[in-house]
Amino acid sequence: MKRLMIILSLLSLFVLTTGIFAQKGMMQRGGYRMVQMLDLTDAQQSKFQDLRLDLEKEIAPLRSKMHNLHSELRMQMAAEKFDQGKVDNILEDMEDLRTQIHSKRIQHHRAIRDMLTPEQQKKFDLHVLSGKRFGRGWGHGHGFGPGKGRGFGHGPHGPHFGDCPRF
């Protein structure tokens, strides 16, 4: 029973963390909406794209390592002889990678903010402080059938609700 609970916990952890691996282009991640919202100049757009490319280059190897760790974790979960120590080490390594990725994204947002004019920085800061995500947030989902309740999607008002578009 205890082993089943551990396996179910790890499986749910895996399911909840797969969003980390979703790789989308700039347009889907909200970069285009940010360019529109902040009314970036051509030079700023070029710098923004350079920063975005640099971030992707830094994060790509970390994502690859994370993918390998997920594979190792699945192998440990399916192994005849379960080794909790190995599983714990894998989970610690995964958490370290998540922290590194998150830190790099925060540095990226700071670099974007630093290239903006004071007026653009105000818009950027208001968006960050509003708690909105850069991209789609929680709303009614797009699952099987109409469904009720919350899911990951545009929400009840659509993707362009409010004065400040999401990015």
N, C-alpha and C. Protein backbone atom coordinates (compact mmCIF):
# COMPACT_ATOMS: atom_id res chain seq x y z
N MET A 1 0.83 -1.19 0.00
CA MET A 1 0.00 0.00 0.00
C MET A 1 0.87 1.26 0.00
N LYS A 2 1.94 1.22 0.83
CA LYS A 2 2.83 2.37 0.90
C LYS A 2 3.53 2.58 -0.44
N ARG A 3 3.93 1.48 -1.05
CA ARG A 3 4.61 1.56 -2.35
C ARG A 3 3.66 2.13 -3.40
N LEU A 4 2.40 1.73 -3.36
CA LEU A 4 1.41 2.24 -4.30
C LEU A 4 1.23 3.75 -4.12
N MET A 5 1.19 4.21 -2.89
CA MET A 5 1.04 5.64 -2.62
C MET A 5 2.24 6.42 -3.16
N ILE A 6 3.43 5.88 -2.99
CA ILE A 6 4.63 6.55 -3.49
C ILE A 6 4.58 6.63 -5.01
N ILE A 7 4.21 5.53 -5.65
CA ILE A 7 4.14 5.51 -7.11
C ILE A 7 3.08 6.48 -7.60
N LEU A 8 1.92 6.51 -6.96
CA LEU A 8 0.87 7.44 -7.36
C LEU A 8 1.30 8.89 -7.15
N SER A 9 2.01 9.16 -6.05
CA SER A 9 2.50 10.51 -5.80
C SER A 9 3.49 10.93 -6.87
N LEU A 10 4.40 10.06 -7.21
CA LEU A 10 5.39 10.38 -8.24
C LEU A 10 4.73 10.54 -9.61
N LEU A 11 3.75 9.71 -9.89
CA LEU A 11 3.05 9.82 -11.16
C LEU A 11 2.31 11.15 -11.25
N SER A 12 1.66 11.56 -10.17
CA SER A 12 0.96 12.84 -10.19
C SER A 12 1.94 13.99 -10.30
N LEU A 13 3.11 13.87 -9.66
CA LEU A 13 4.15 14.89 -9.79
C LEU A 13 4.58 15.00 -11.25
N PHE A 14 4.76 13.87 -11.90
CA PHE A 14 5.15 13.86 -13.30
C PHE A 14 4.10 14.54 -14.16
N VAL A 15 2.85 14.22 -13.94
CA VAL A 15 1.77 14.80 -14.74
C VAL A 15 1.70 16.31 -14.53
N LEU A 16 1.89 16.76 -13.30
CA LEU A 16 1.79 18.19 -13.01
C LEU A 16 2.97 18.98 -13.54
N THR A 17 4.11 18.34 -13.74
CA THR A 17 5.31 19.08 -14.17
C THR A 17 5.58 18.98 -15.66
N THR A 18 4.76 18.29 -16.42
CA THR A 18 5.03 18.16 -17.85
C THR A 18 4.90 19.48 -18.59
N GLY A 19 4.22 20.45 -18.02
CA GLY A 19 4.09 21.75 -18.67
C GLY A 19 5.42 22.46 -18.84
N ILE A 20 6.39 22.08 -18.05
CA ILE A 20 7.72 22.68 -18.17
C ILE A 20 8.30 22.43 -19.55
N PHE A 21 7.96 21.30 -20.13
CA PHE A 21 8.57 20.90 -21.38
C PHE A 21 7.86 21.44 -22.61
N ALA A 22 6.76 22.13 -22.40
CA ALA A 22 6.05 22.65 -23.55
C ALA A 22 6.90 23.73 -24.21
N GLN A 23 7.26 23.53 -25.44
CA GLN A 23 8.08 24.49 -26.15
C GLN A 23 7.24 25.12 -27.25
N LYS A 24 7.02 26.41 -27.12
CA LYS A 24 6.21 27.13 -28.09
C LYS A 24 7.06 28.25 -28.67
N GLY A 25 6.61 28.76 -29.80
CA GLY A 25 7.29 29.88 -30.42
C GLY A 25 6.96 31.18 -29.72
N MET A 26 7.65 32.25 -30.12
CA MET A 26 7.45 33.55 -29.50
C MET A 26 6.00 34.00 -29.61
N MET A 27 5.38 33.76 -30.75
CA MET A 27 4.01 34.21 -30.94
C MET A 27 3.06 33.51 -29.97
N GLN A 28 3.26 32.25 -29.73
CA GLN A 28 2.37 31.51 -28.84
C GLN A 28 2.66 31.81 -27.39
N ARG A 29 3.86 32.10 -27.04
CA ARG A 29 4.20 32.37 -25.65
C ARG A 29 3.75 33.75 -25.21
N GLY A 30 3.32 34.56 -26.11
CA GLY A 30 2.85 35.87 -25.71
C GLY A 30 3.82 36.98 -26.06
N GLY A 31 4.94 36.67 -26.68
CA GLY A 31 5.92 37.69 -27.02
C GLY A 31 5.36 38.75 -27.94
N TYR A 32 4.56 38.34 -28.90
CA TYR A 32 3.98 39.30 -29.84
C TYR A 32 3.03 40.25 -29.12
N ARG A 33 2.25 39.72 -28.19
CA ARG A 33 1.34 40.59 -27.43
C ARG A 33 2.11 41.58 -26.58
N MET A 34 3.26 41.16 -26.05
CA MET A 34 4.06 42.07 -25.26
C MET A 34 4.62 43.18 -26.15
N VAL A 35 5.07 42.82 -27.34
CA VAL A 35 5.59 43.81 -28.29
C VAL A 35 4.50 44.83 -28.60
N GLN A 36 3.27 44.37 -28.81
CA GLN A 36 2.16 45.28 -29.09
C GLN A 36 1.83 46.14 -27.88
N MET A 37 1.73 45.53 -26.72
CA MET A 37 1.33 46.26 -25.52
C MET A 37 2.33 47.36 -25.18
N LEU A 38 3.61 47.05 -25.30
CA LEU A 38 4.63 48.01 -24.92
C LEU A 38 5.01 48.95 -26.06
N ASP A 39 4.50 48.69 -27.25
CA ASP A 39 4.79 49.51 -28.43
C ASP A 39 6.31 49.66 -28.61
N LEU A 40 6.97 48.52 -28.74
CA LEU A 40 8.42 48.51 -28.86
C LEU A 40 8.87 49.06 -30.20
N THR A 41 9.99 49.78 -30.18
CA THR A 41 10.60 50.25 -31.42
C THR A 41 11.23 49.06 -32.14
N ASP A 42 11.64 49.28 -33.38
CA ASP A 42 12.30 48.20 -34.14
C ASP A 42 13.57 47.74 -33.44
N ALA A 43 14.34 48.70 -32.91
CA ALA A 43 15.57 48.34 -32.21
C ALA A 43 15.26 47.53 -30.95
N GLN A 44 14.22 47.93 -30.22
CA GLN A 44 13.83 47.19 -29.02
C GLN A 44 13.32 45.80 -29.38
N GLN A 45 12.58 45.69 -30.48
CA GLN A 45 12.09 44.38 -30.91
C GLN A 45 13.25 43.46 -31.25
N SER A 46 14.25 44.02 -31.91
CA SER A 46 15.44 43.22 -32.25
C SER A 46 16.15 42.75 -30.99
N LYS A 47 16.31 43.67 -30.03
CA LYS A 47 16.95 43.33 -28.76
C LYS A 47 16.12 42.29 -28.01
N PHE A 48 14.80 42.47 -28.03
CA PHE A 48 13.90 41.52 -27.38
C PHE A 48 14.08 40.12 -27.97
N GLN A 49 14.13 40.03 -29.30
CA GLN A 49 14.31 38.73 -29.95
C GLN A 49 15.67 38.12 -29.61
N ASP A 50 16.70 38.98 -29.52
CA ASP A 50 18.03 38.48 -29.14
C ASP A 50 18.01 37.92 -27.72
N LEU A 51 17.35 38.65 -26.81
CA LEU A 51 17.24 38.19 -25.42
C LEU A 51 16.47 36.88 -25.36
N ARG A 52 15.41 36.80 -26.14
CA ARG A 52 14.58 35.59 -26.16
C ARG A 52 15.38 34.39 -26.66
N LEU A 53 16.17 34.61 -27.72
CA LEU A 53 17.00 33.54 -28.27
C LEU A 53 18.06 33.10 -27.26
N ASP A 54 18.67 34.08 -26.59
CA ASP A 54 19.67 33.76 -25.56
C ASP A 54 19.05 32.92 -24.45
N LEU A 55 17.85 33.29 -24.02
CA LEU A 55 17.16 32.53 -22.98
C LEU A 55 16.92 31.10 -23.44
N GLU A 56 16.42 30.94 -24.65
CA GLU A 56 16.15 29.59 -25.17
C GLU A 56 17.42 28.76 -25.25
N LYS A 57 18.53 29.39 -25.64
CA LYS A 57 19.81 28.67 -25.72
C LYS A 57 20.27 28.23 -24.33
N GLU A 58 20.01 29.05 -23.32
CA GLU A 58 20.41 28.70 -21.95
C GLU A 58 19.52 27.62 -21.36
N ILE A 59 18.24 27.67 -21.68
CA ILE A 59 17.29 26.75 -21.07
C ILE A 59 17.23 25.40 -21.78
N ALA A 60 17.53 25.36 -23.07
CA ALA A 60 17.42 24.11 -23.84
C ALA A 60 18.19 22.95 -23.21
N PRO A 61 19.47 23.14 -22.81
CA PRO A 61 20.16 22.00 -22.19
C PRO A 61 19.54 21.59 -20.85
N LEU A 62 19.00 22.57 -20.12
CA LEU A 62 18.35 22.25 -18.84
C LEU A 62 17.08 21.44 -19.08
N ARG A 63 16.33 21.80 -20.12
CA ARG A 63 15.13 21.03 -20.46
C ARG A 63 15.50 19.60 -20.86
N SER A 64 16.59 19.50 -21.59
CA SER A 64 17.05 18.17 -22.02
C SER A 64 17.41 17.31 -20.80
N LYS A 65 18.12 17.92 -19.85
CA LYS A 65 18.47 17.19 -18.62
C LYS A 65 17.21 16.80 -17.86
N MET A 66 16.24 17.73 -17.81
CA MET A 66 14.99 17.44 -17.12
C MET A 66 14.27 16.27 -17.78
N HIS A 67 14.27 16.26 -19.10
CA HIS A 67 13.64 15.16 -19.83
C HIS A 67 14.32 13.83 -19.49
N ASN A 68 15.64 13.84 -19.44
CA ASN A 68 16.39 12.62 -19.09
C ASN A 68 16.07 12.17 -17.67
N LEU A 69 15.95 13.14 -16.75
CA LEU A 69 15.61 12.79 -15.37
C LEU A 69 14.21 12.19 -15.27
N HIS A 70 13.28 12.73 -16.05
CA HIS A 70 11.93 12.15 -16.07
C HIS A 70 11.99 10.70 -16.55
N SER A 71 12.81 10.46 -17.56
CA SER A 71 12.95 9.08 -18.07
C SER A 71 13.55 8.18 -17.00
N GLU A 72 14.58 8.68 -16.30
CA GLU A 72 15.18 7.89 -15.22
C GLU A 72 14.17 7.60 -14.13
N LEU A 73 13.36 8.60 -13.80
CA LEU A 73 12.35 8.42 -12.76
C LEU A 73 11.34 7.35 -13.17
N ARG A 74 10.90 7.40 -14.41
CA ARG A 74 9.96 6.37 -14.89
C ARG A 74 10.59 4.99 -14.82
N MET A 75 11.88 4.90 -15.17
CA MET A 75 12.57 3.61 -15.11
C MET A 75 12.64 3.11 -13.66
N GLN A 76 12.91 4.01 -12.73
CA GLN A 76 12.97 3.62 -11.32
C GLN A 76 11.60 3.16 -10.82
N MET A 77 10.55 3.84 -11.29
CA MET A 77 9.21 3.47 -10.86
C MET A 77 8.81 2.10 -11.39
N ALA A 78 9.35 1.71 -12.53
CA ALA A 78 9.01 0.43 -13.14
C ALA A 78 10.01 -0.67 -12.79
N ALA A 79 11.05 -0.34 -12.05
CA ALA A 79 12.09 -1.32 -11.74
C ALA A 79 11.56 -2.40 -10.80
N GLU A 80 12.10 -3.59 -10.95
CA GLU A 80 11.72 -4.70 -10.06
C GLU A 80 12.10 -4.39 -8.62
N LYS A 81 13.30 -3.83 -8.45
CA LYS A 81 13.76 -3.49 -7.11
C LYS A 81 13.73 -1.97 -6.97
N PHE A 82 12.78 -1.49 -6.18
CA PHE A 82 12.59 -0.05 -6.00
C PHE A 82 13.65 0.50 -5.07
N ASP A 83 14.31 1.59 -5.47
CA ASP A 83 15.35 2.22 -4.66
C ASP A 83 14.92 3.66 -4.35
N GLN A 84 14.40 3.87 -3.15
CA GLN A 84 13.91 5.19 -2.76
C GLN A 84 15.03 6.23 -2.77
N GLY A 85 16.24 5.81 -2.43
CA GLY A 85 17.37 6.74 -2.44
C GLY A 85 17.63 7.31 -3.82
N LYS A 86 17.59 6.45 -4.84
CA LYS A 86 17.78 6.92 -6.22
C LYS A 86 16.65 7.86 -6.63
N VAL A 87 15.43 7.49 -6.26
CA VAL A 87 14.28 8.33 -6.60
C VAL A 87 14.43 9.70 -5.94
N ASP A 88 14.82 9.72 -4.67
CA ASP A 88 15.00 10.99 -3.98
C ASP A 88 16.07 11.84 -4.65
N ASN A 89 17.17 11.21 -5.07
CA ASN A 89 18.23 11.95 -5.76
C ASN A 89 17.74 12.52 -7.08
N ILE A 90 16.98 11.74 -7.82
CA ILE A 90 16.43 12.21 -9.09
C ILE A 90 15.50 13.40 -8.85
N LEU A 91 14.64 13.29 -7.84
CA LEU A 91 13.71 14.38 -7.53
C LEU A 91 14.45 15.65 -7.11
N GLU A 92 15.53 15.49 -6.34
CA GLU A 92 16.33 16.66 -5.96
C GLU A 92 16.97 17.31 -7.18
N ASP A 93 17.50 16.49 -8.08
CA ASP A 93 18.10 17.02 -9.31
C ASP A 93 17.06 17.75 -10.15
N MET A 94 15.85 17.19 -10.21
CA MET A 94 14.78 17.83 -10.97
C MET A 94 14.41 19.18 -10.36
N GLU A 95 14.36 19.24 -9.04
CA GLU A 95 14.04 20.50 -8.37
C GLU A 95 15.13 21.53 -8.61
N ASP A 96 16.39 21.11 -8.59
CA ASP A 96 17.49 22.03 -8.89
C ASP A 96 17.36 22.60 -10.30
N LEU A 97 17.02 21.75 -11.26
CA LEU A 97 16.86 22.22 -12.64
C LEU A 97 15.68 23.18 -12.75
N ARG A 98 14.57 22.89 -12.07
CA ARG A 98 13.42 23.80 -12.09
C ARG A 98 13.82 25.17 -11.55
N THR A 99 14.59 25.17 -10.47
CA THR A 99 15.03 26.42 -9.88
C THR A 99 15.93 27.19 -10.84
N GLN A 100 16.84 26.50 -11.51
CA GLN A 100 17.72 27.16 -12.48
C GLN A 100 16.92 27.77 -13.63
N ILE A 101 15.96 27.02 -14.14
CA ILE A 101 15.13 27.51 -15.25
C ILE A 101 14.34 28.73 -14.80
N HIS A 102 13.74 28.66 -13.63
CA HIS A 102 12.95 29.78 -13.12
C HIS A 102 13.83 31.01 -12.92
N SER A 103 15.02 30.82 -12.38
CA SER A 103 15.94 31.92 -12.16
C SER A 103 16.34 32.58 -13.48
N LYS A 104 16.60 31.78 -14.49
CA LYS A 104 16.96 32.32 -15.80
C LYS A 104 15.80 33.10 -16.42
N ARG A 105 14.58 32.64 -16.21
CA ARG A 105 13.43 33.38 -16.73
C ARG A 105 13.26 34.72 -16.02
N ILE A 106 13.50 34.74 -14.73
CA ILE A 106 13.41 36.00 -13.99
C ILE A 106 14.49 36.96 -14.47
N GLN A 107 15.71 36.47 -14.67
CA GLN A 107 16.79 37.31 -15.21
C GLN A 107 16.40 37.85 -16.59
N HIS A 108 15.76 37.01 -17.39
CA HIS A 108 15.31 37.42 -18.72
C HIS A 108 14.29 38.56 -18.63
N HIS A 109 13.32 38.42 -17.73
CA HIS A 109 12.32 39.48 -17.56
C HIS A 109 12.96 40.78 -17.08
N ARG A 110 13.97 40.66 -16.23
CA ARG A 110 14.68 41.86 -15.77
C ARG A 110 15.43 42.51 -16.93
N ALA A 111 16.06 41.71 -17.77
CA ALA A 111 16.78 42.25 -18.92
C ALA A 111 15.82 42.95 -19.88
N ILE A 112 14.63 42.38 -20.06
CA ILE A 112 13.63 43.04 -20.91
C ILE A 112 13.23 44.37 -20.29
N ARG A 113 12.96 44.36 -19.01
CA ARG A 113 12.54 45.60 -18.34
C ARG A 113 13.62 46.67 -18.45
N ASP A 114 14.87 46.27 -18.31
CA ASP A 114 15.98 47.23 -18.34
C ASP A 114 16.15 47.89 -19.70
N MET A 115 15.68 47.26 -20.78
CA MET A 115 15.84 47.85 -22.11
C MET A 115 14.68 48.80 -22.45
N LEU A 116 13.68 48.89 -21.60
CA LEU A 116 12.50 49.69 -21.87
C LEU A 116 12.67 51.14 -21.44
N THR A 117 11.87 52.02 -22.04
CA THR A 117 11.82 53.41 -21.61
C THR A 117 11.06 53.46 -20.28
N PRO A 118 11.16 54.56 -19.53
CA PRO A 118 10.42 54.65 -18.27
C PRO A 118 8.91 54.44 -18.42
N GLU A 119 8.32 54.96 -19.49
CA GLU A 119 6.88 54.77 -19.70
C GLU A 119 6.56 53.29 -19.98
N GLN A 120 7.39 52.65 -20.78
CA GLN A 120 7.19 51.23 -21.07
C GLN A 120 7.40 50.39 -19.81
N GLN A 121 8.36 50.81 -18.98
CA GLN A 121 8.61 50.09 -17.73
C GLN A 121 7.38 50.14 -16.83
N LYS A 122 6.69 51.28 -16.81
CA LYS A 122 5.47 51.38 -16.00
C LYS A 122 4.42 50.37 -16.47
N LYS A 123 4.22 50.29 -17.79
CA LYS A 123 3.26 49.32 -18.32
C LYS A 123 3.68 47.90 -17.98
N PHE A 124 4.97 47.63 -18.15
CA PHE A 124 5.50 46.30 -17.86
C PHE A 124 5.29 45.96 -16.38
N ASP A 125 5.64 46.91 -15.50
CA ASP A 125 5.51 46.69 -14.06
C ASP A 125 4.05 46.49 -13.65
N LEU A 126 3.16 47.29 -14.22
CA LEU A 126 1.74 47.13 -13.90
C LEU A 126 1.25 45.74 -14.29
N HIS A 127 1.71 45.27 -15.43
CA HIS A 127 1.30 43.94 -15.87
C HIS A 127 1.85 42.87 -14.93
N VAL A 128 3.11 43.00 -14.55
CA VAL A 128 3.72 42.03 -13.65
C VAL A 128 3.02 42.06 -12.29
N LEU A 129 2.79 43.26 -11.76
CA LEU A 129 2.17 43.39 -10.44
C LEU A 129 0.70 42.97 -10.44
N SER A 130 0.06 42.97 -11.60
CA SER A 130 -1.34 42.56 -11.66
C SER A 130 -1.49 41.05 -11.45
N GLY A 131 -0.37 40.33 -11.53
CA GLY A 131 -0.41 38.90 -11.32
C GLY A 131 -0.74 38.11 -12.57
N LYS A 132 -0.86 38.80 -13.68
CA LYS A 132 -1.16 38.09 -14.93
C LYS A 132 0.08 37.34 -15.38
N ARG A 133 -0.18 36.22 -16.00
CA ARG A 133 0.92 35.43 -16.54
C ARG A 133 1.30 35.97 -17.91
N PHE A 134 2.51 35.65 -18.33
CA PHE A 134 2.93 35.98 -19.67
C PHE A 134 2.42 34.89 -20.60
N GLY A 135 1.23 35.05 -21.10
CA GLY A 135 0.60 34.03 -21.93
C GLY A 135 -0.78 33.75 -21.39
N ARG A 136 -1.27 32.56 -21.65
CA ARG A 136 -2.61 32.20 -21.23
C ARG A 136 -2.64 31.87 -19.75
N GLY A 137 -3.76 32.16 -19.12
CA GLY A 137 -3.91 31.88 -17.71
C GLY A 137 -5.00 30.86 -17.46
N TRP A 138 -5.42 30.74 -16.23
CA TRP A 138 -6.45 29.78 -15.86
C TRP A 138 -7.80 30.29 -16.30
N GLY A 139 -8.59 29.43 -16.84
CA GLY A 139 -9.94 29.76 -17.27
C GLY A 139 -10.67 28.48 -17.60
N HIS A 140 -11.73 28.57 -18.33
CA HIS A 140 -12.47 27.38 -18.71
C HIS A 140 -11.67 26.62 -19.75
N GLY A 141 -11.50 25.35 -19.52
CA GLY A 141 -10.60 24.55 -20.35
C GLY A 141 -11.20 24.11 -21.66
N HIS A 142 -10.36 23.47 -22.44
CA HIS A 142 -10.74 22.95 -23.74
C HIS A 142 -10.59 21.44 -23.70
N GLY A 143 -11.32 20.78 -22.84
CA GLY A 143 -11.19 19.34 -22.67
C GLY A 143 -12.18 18.59 -23.54
N PHE A 144 -12.55 17.42 -23.10
CA PHE A 144 -13.51 16.60 -23.81
C PHE A 144 -14.90 17.08 -23.45
N GLY A 145 -15.64 17.55 -24.43
CA GLY A 145 -17.00 18.02 -24.19
C GLY A 145 -17.00 19.39 -23.56
N PRO A 146 -18.19 19.94 -23.32
CA PRO A 146 -18.26 21.29 -22.81
C PRO A 146 -17.71 21.43 -21.40
N GLY A 147 -17.99 20.50 -20.54
CA GLY A 147 -17.43 20.50 -19.20
C GLY A 147 -17.75 21.74 -18.40
N LYS A 148 -17.59 21.63 -17.11
CA LYS A 148 -17.77 22.76 -16.22
C LYS A 148 -16.57 22.80 -15.30
N GLY A 149 -16.35 23.93 -14.74
CA GLY A 149 -15.23 24.05 -13.82
C GLY A 149 -14.04 24.71 -14.48
N ARG A 150 -12.94 24.66 -13.78
CA ARG A 150 -11.77 25.39 -14.22
C ARG A 150 -10.83 24.48 -15.01
N GLY A 151 -10.17 25.08 -15.95
CA GLY A 151 -9.19 24.39 -16.75
C GLY A 151 -8.26 25.41 -17.34
N PHE A 152 -7.24 24.98 -18.01
CA PHE A 152 -6.28 25.92 -18.57
C PHE A 152 -6.78 26.41 -19.92
N GLY A 153 -7.09 27.68 -20.02
CA GLY A 153 -7.60 28.22 -21.27
C GLY A 153 -7.70 29.73 -21.19
N HIS A 154 -8.50 30.32 -22.06
CA HIS A 154 -8.60 31.76 -22.14
C HIS A 154 -9.50 32.36 -21.07
N GLY A 155 -10.32 31.60 -20.43
CA GLY A 155 -11.23 32.13 -19.44
C GLY A 155 -12.53 32.57 -20.07
N PRO A 156 -13.46 33.04 -19.25
CA PRO A 156 -14.80 33.33 -19.74
C PRO A 156 -14.88 34.56 -20.64
N HIS A 157 -13.86 35.41 -20.64
CA HIS A 157 -13.95 36.65 -21.40
C HIS A 157 -13.11 36.64 -22.67
N GLY A 158 -12.46 35.56 -22.96
CA GLY A 158 -11.66 35.48 -24.18
C GLY A 158 -10.25 35.97 -23.96
N PRO A 159 -9.40 35.83 -24.98
CA PRO A 159 -7.99 36.14 -24.82
C PRO A 159 -7.68 37.63 -24.77
N HIS A 160 -8.61 38.48 -25.18
CA HIS A 160 -8.30 39.91 -25.26
C HIS A 160 -9.16 40.72 -24.30
N PHE A 161 -9.49 40.18 -23.14
CA PHE A 161 -10.35 40.86 -22.19
C PHE A 161 -9.53 41.88 -21.40
N GLY A 162 -10.07 43.06 -21.19
CA GLY A 162 -9.42 44.06 -20.36
C GLY A 162 -8.65 45.08 -21.17
N ASP A 163 -8.17 46.09 -20.47
CA ASP A 163 -7.44 47.17 -21.12
C ASP A 163 -6.04 46.75 -21.53
N CYS A 164 -5.45 45.88 -20.76
CA CYS A 164 -4.05 45.52 -20.96
C CYS A 164 -3.99 44.10 -21.54
N PRO A 165 -3.61 43.95 -22.80
CA PRO A 165 -3.57 42.59 -23.35
C PRO A 165 -2.54 41.74 -22.65
N ARG A 166 -2.81 40.46 -22.59
CA ARG A 166 -1.87 39.53 -21.96
C ARG A 166 -0.69 39.32 -22.87
N PHE A 167 0.45 39.08 -22.26
CA PHE A 167 1.62 38.71 -23.07
C PHE A 167 2.38 37.63 -22.39
